[in-house]
């Protein structure tokens, strides 16, 4: 990550991120897994932006819908 900006990682956000690694592209998968182990209180803001960008991409939408994580 190029930015040092971190945001809090409350339990509900940790829970929302837990099912994603199996769906994410490898580069994001590795970063999300690292961010969640051990349970952390903060996460890189830039990582959340990347996950959000992926989730709004066609690939992300399709994978989330197939996993029943998106309507």
N, C-alpha and C. Protein backbone atom coordinates (compact mmCIF):
# COMPACT_ATOMS: atom_id res chain seq x y z
N UNK A 1 0.84 -1.17 0.00
CA UNK A 1 0.00 0.00 0.00
C UNK A 1 0.89 1.24 0.00
N UNK A 2 0.51 2.20 -0.79
CA UNK A 2 1.32 3.40 -0.88
C UNK A 2 0.93 4.44 0.15
N UNK A 3 -0.29 4.37 0.64
CA UNK A 3 -0.77 5.32 1.63
C UNK A 3 -0.61 4.75 3.03
N UNK A 4 -0.38 5.62 3.99
CA UNK A 4 -0.29 5.19 5.38
C UNK A 4 -1.60 5.40 6.13
N UNK A 5 -2.63 5.84 5.42
CA UNK A 5 -3.91 6.11 6.04
C UNK A 5 -4.61 4.80 6.42
N UNK A 6 -4.96 4.69 7.68
CA UNK A 6 -5.69 3.53 8.18
C UNK A 6 -7.05 3.98 8.70
N UNK A 7 -8.01 3.08 8.64
CA UNK A 7 -9.32 3.35 9.21
C UNK A 7 -9.64 2.22 10.18
N UNK A 8 -10.55 2.50 11.09
CA UNK A 8 -10.89 1.47 12.06
C UNK A 8 -11.56 0.29 11.36
N UNK A 9 -11.38 -0.87 11.93
CA UNK A 9 -11.93 -2.11 11.37
C UNK A 9 -12.82 -2.75 12.43
N UNK A 10 -14.04 -2.23 12.57
CA UNK A 10 -14.95 -2.78 13.57
C UNK A 10 -15.36 -4.21 13.20
N UNK A 11 -15.89 -4.90 14.17
CA UNK A 11 -16.24 -6.31 13.98
C UNK A 11 -17.17 -6.54 12.80
N UNK A 12 -18.17 -5.66 12.61
CA UNK A 12 -19.11 -5.87 11.50
C UNK A 12 -18.41 -5.77 10.14
N UNK A 13 -17.38 -4.94 10.02
CA UNK A 13 -16.63 -4.85 8.77
C UNK A 13 -15.74 -6.08 8.60
N UNK A 14 -15.14 -6.55 9.69
CA UNK A 14 -14.36 -7.78 9.62
C UNK A 14 -15.23 -8.93 9.13
N UNK A 15 -16.44 -9.02 9.66
CA UNK A 15 -17.37 -10.08 9.26
C UNK A 15 -17.76 -9.96 7.79
N UNK A 16 -17.92 -8.73 7.31
CA UNK A 16 -18.27 -8.51 5.91
C UNK A 16 -17.13 -8.90 4.98
N UNK A 17 -15.89 -8.73 5.44
CA UNK A 17 -14.72 -9.05 4.61
C UNK A 17 -14.36 -10.53 4.63
N UNK A 18 -14.72 -11.25 5.67
CA UNK A 18 -14.30 -12.66 5.82
C UNK A 18 -14.65 -13.57 4.65
N UNK A 19 -15.84 -13.46 4.05
CA UNK A 19 -16.13 -14.37 2.93
C UNK A 19 -15.49 -13.96 1.60
N UNK A 20 -14.88 -12.80 1.54
CA UNK A 20 -14.39 -12.29 0.26
C UNK A 20 -13.12 -12.93 -0.29
N UNK A 21 -12.15 -13.34 0.54
CA UNK A 21 -10.90 -13.82 -0.05
C UNK A 21 -11.05 -14.88 -1.14
N UNK A 22 -11.97 -15.80 -1.01
CA UNK A 22 -12.14 -16.83 -2.03
C UNK A 22 -12.68 -16.27 -3.34
N UNK A 23 -13.24 -15.08 -3.31
CA UNK A 23 -13.84 -14.47 -4.50
C UNK A 23 -12.92 -13.46 -5.17
N UNK A 24 -12.01 -12.91 -4.41
CA UNK A 24 -11.16 -11.81 -4.88
C UNK A 24 -10.05 -12.28 -5.82
N UNK A 25 -9.59 -11.39 -6.69
CA UNK A 25 -8.38 -11.68 -7.47
C UNK A 25 -7.21 -11.90 -6.50
N UNK A 26 -6.24 -12.67 -6.92
CA UNK A 26 -5.14 -13.09 -6.04
C UNK A 26 -4.46 -11.94 -5.31
N UNK A 27 -4.17 -10.84 -6.00
CA UNK A 27 -3.47 -9.73 -5.33
C UNK A 27 -4.29 -9.15 -4.19
N UNK A 28 -5.59 -9.01 -4.38
CA UNK A 28 -6.45 -8.51 -3.30
C UNK A 28 -6.67 -9.56 -2.24
N UNK A 29 -6.79 -10.81 -2.66
CA UNK A 29 -7.00 -11.91 -1.71
C UNK A 29 -5.89 -11.92 -0.66
N UNK A 30 -4.67 -11.86 -1.12
CA UNK A 30 -3.52 -11.89 -0.20
C UNK A 30 -3.56 -10.72 0.77
N UNK A 31 -3.85 -9.54 0.27
CA UNK A 31 -3.87 -8.34 1.11
C UNK A 31 -5.00 -8.39 2.14
N UNK A 32 -6.18 -8.87 1.73
CA UNK A 32 -7.30 -8.95 2.66
C UNK A 32 -7.03 -10.00 3.73
N UNK A 33 -6.50 -11.14 3.34
CA UNK A 33 -6.18 -12.18 4.32
C UNK A 33 -5.17 -11.64 5.34
N UNK A 34 -4.15 -10.96 4.87
CA UNK A 34 -3.14 -10.38 5.77
C UNK A 34 -3.77 -9.34 6.69
N UNK A 35 -4.70 -8.57 6.17
CA UNK A 35 -5.34 -7.52 6.97
C UNK A 35 -6.24 -8.10 8.07
N UNK A 36 -6.77 -9.29 7.82
CA UNK A 36 -7.69 -9.91 8.79
C UNK A 36 -7.01 -10.84 9.78
N UNK A 37 -5.74 -11.17 9.56
CA UNK A 37 -5.01 -12.07 10.47
C UNK A 37 -3.81 -11.37 11.05
N UNK A 38 -3.62 -11.33 12.33
CA UNK A 38 -4.63 -11.65 13.34
C UNK A 38 -5.71 -10.57 13.33
N UNK A 39 -6.83 -10.84 13.94
CA UNK A 39 -7.88 -9.80 13.93
C UNK A 39 -7.29 -8.45 14.31
N UNK A 40 -7.46 -7.52 13.41
CA UNK A 40 -6.87 -6.20 13.57
C UNK A 40 -7.94 -5.17 13.90
N UNK A 41 -7.51 -4.08 14.45
CA UNK A 41 -8.43 -2.98 14.76
C UNK A 41 -8.43 -1.92 13.66
N UNK A 42 -7.49 -2.04 12.71
CA UNK A 42 -7.37 -1.06 11.63
C UNK A 42 -7.07 -1.77 10.31
N UNK A 43 -7.40 -1.07 9.22
CA UNK A 43 -7.12 -1.59 7.88
C UNK A 43 -6.71 -0.41 7.00
N UNK A 44 -5.88 -0.67 6.01
CA UNK A 44 -5.49 0.39 5.09
C UNK A 44 -6.71 0.88 4.33
N UNK A 45 -6.89 2.17 4.31
CA UNK A 45 -8.00 2.78 3.57
C UNK A 45 -7.90 2.40 2.09
N UNK A 46 -6.71 2.43 1.55
CA UNK A 46 -6.48 2.12 0.14
C UNK A 46 -6.95 0.70 -0.20
N UNK A 47 -6.78 -0.23 0.72
CA UNK A 47 -7.24 -1.60 0.49
C UNK A 47 -8.76 -1.64 0.42
N UNK A 48 -9.43 -0.92 1.29
CA UNK A 48 -10.89 -0.86 1.23
C UNK A 48 -11.37 -0.26 -0.09
N UNK A 49 -10.67 0.74 -0.58
CA UNK A 49 -11.03 1.35 -1.86
C UNK A 49 -10.86 0.32 -2.98
N UNK A 50 -9.78 -0.44 -2.95
CA UNK A 50 -9.54 -1.45 -3.98
C UNK A 50 -10.61 -2.55 -3.94
N UNK A 51 -10.98 -2.98 -2.76
CA UNK A 51 -12.02 -4.00 -2.62
C UNK A 51 -13.35 -3.44 -3.13
N UNK A 52 -13.66 -2.22 -2.79
CA UNK A 52 -14.89 -1.58 -3.26
C UNK A 52 -14.90 -1.45 -4.78
N UNK A 53 -13.79 -1.04 -5.34
CA UNK A 53 -13.68 -0.91 -6.80
C UNK A 53 -13.93 -2.26 -7.46
N UNK A 54 -13.30 -3.31 -6.93
CA UNK A 54 -13.51 -4.65 -7.47
C UNK A 54 -14.98 -5.05 -7.34
N UNK A 55 -15.59 -4.80 -6.18
CA UNK A 55 -16.98 -5.20 -5.94
C UNK A 55 -17.95 -4.52 -6.92
N UNK A 56 -17.58 -3.36 -7.43
CA UNK A 56 -18.43 -2.65 -8.39
C UNK A 56 -18.07 -2.97 -9.84
N UNK A 57 -17.02 -3.77 -10.05
CA UNK A 57 -16.66 -4.17 -11.40
C UNK A 57 -17.61 -5.29 -11.84
N UNK A 58 -17.65 -5.57 -13.13
CA UNK A 58 -18.51 -6.65 -13.63
C UNK A 58 -18.11 -7.99 -13.02
N UNK A 59 -16.81 -8.25 -12.95
CA UNK A 59 -16.33 -9.50 -12.34
C UNK A 59 -16.75 -9.60 -10.89
N UNK A 60 -16.56 -8.52 -10.16
CA UNK A 60 -16.94 -8.50 -8.75
C UNK A 60 -18.43 -8.72 -8.56
N UNK A 61 -19.23 -8.02 -9.33
CA UNK A 61 -20.68 -8.17 -9.23
C UNK A 61 -21.11 -9.60 -9.50
N UNK A 62 -20.54 -10.20 -10.54
CA UNK A 62 -20.89 -11.58 -10.88
C UNK A 62 -20.50 -12.56 -9.78
N UNK A 63 -19.27 -12.42 -9.27
CA UNK A 63 -18.80 -13.33 -8.23
C UNK A 63 -19.58 -13.17 -6.92
N UNK A 64 -19.88 -11.93 -6.56
CA UNK A 64 -20.65 -11.68 -5.33
C UNK A 64 -22.07 -12.23 -5.47
N UNK A 65 -22.65 -12.04 -6.64
CA UNK A 65 -24.01 -12.55 -6.85
C UNK A 65 -24.02 -14.08 -6.82
N UNK A 66 -23.05 -14.71 -7.44
CA UNK A 66 -22.96 -16.17 -7.46
C UNK A 66 -22.78 -16.74 -6.04
N UNK A 67 -22.13 -15.96 -5.18
CA UNK A 67 -21.92 -16.40 -3.78
C UNK A 67 -23.03 -15.92 -2.86
N UNK A 68 -24.11 -15.39 -3.43
CA UNK A 68 -25.23 -14.85 -2.67
C UNK A 68 -24.82 -13.75 -1.70
N UNK A 69 -23.84 -12.95 -2.11
CA UNK A 69 -23.39 -11.83 -1.29
C UNK A 69 -23.81 -10.49 -1.88
N UNK A 70 -24.55 -10.55 -2.99
CA UNK A 70 -25.03 -9.33 -3.64
C UNK A 70 -26.36 -9.64 -4.31
N UNK A 71 -27.25 -8.68 -4.31
CA UNK A 71 -28.55 -8.87 -4.96
C UNK A 71 -28.48 -8.51 -6.42
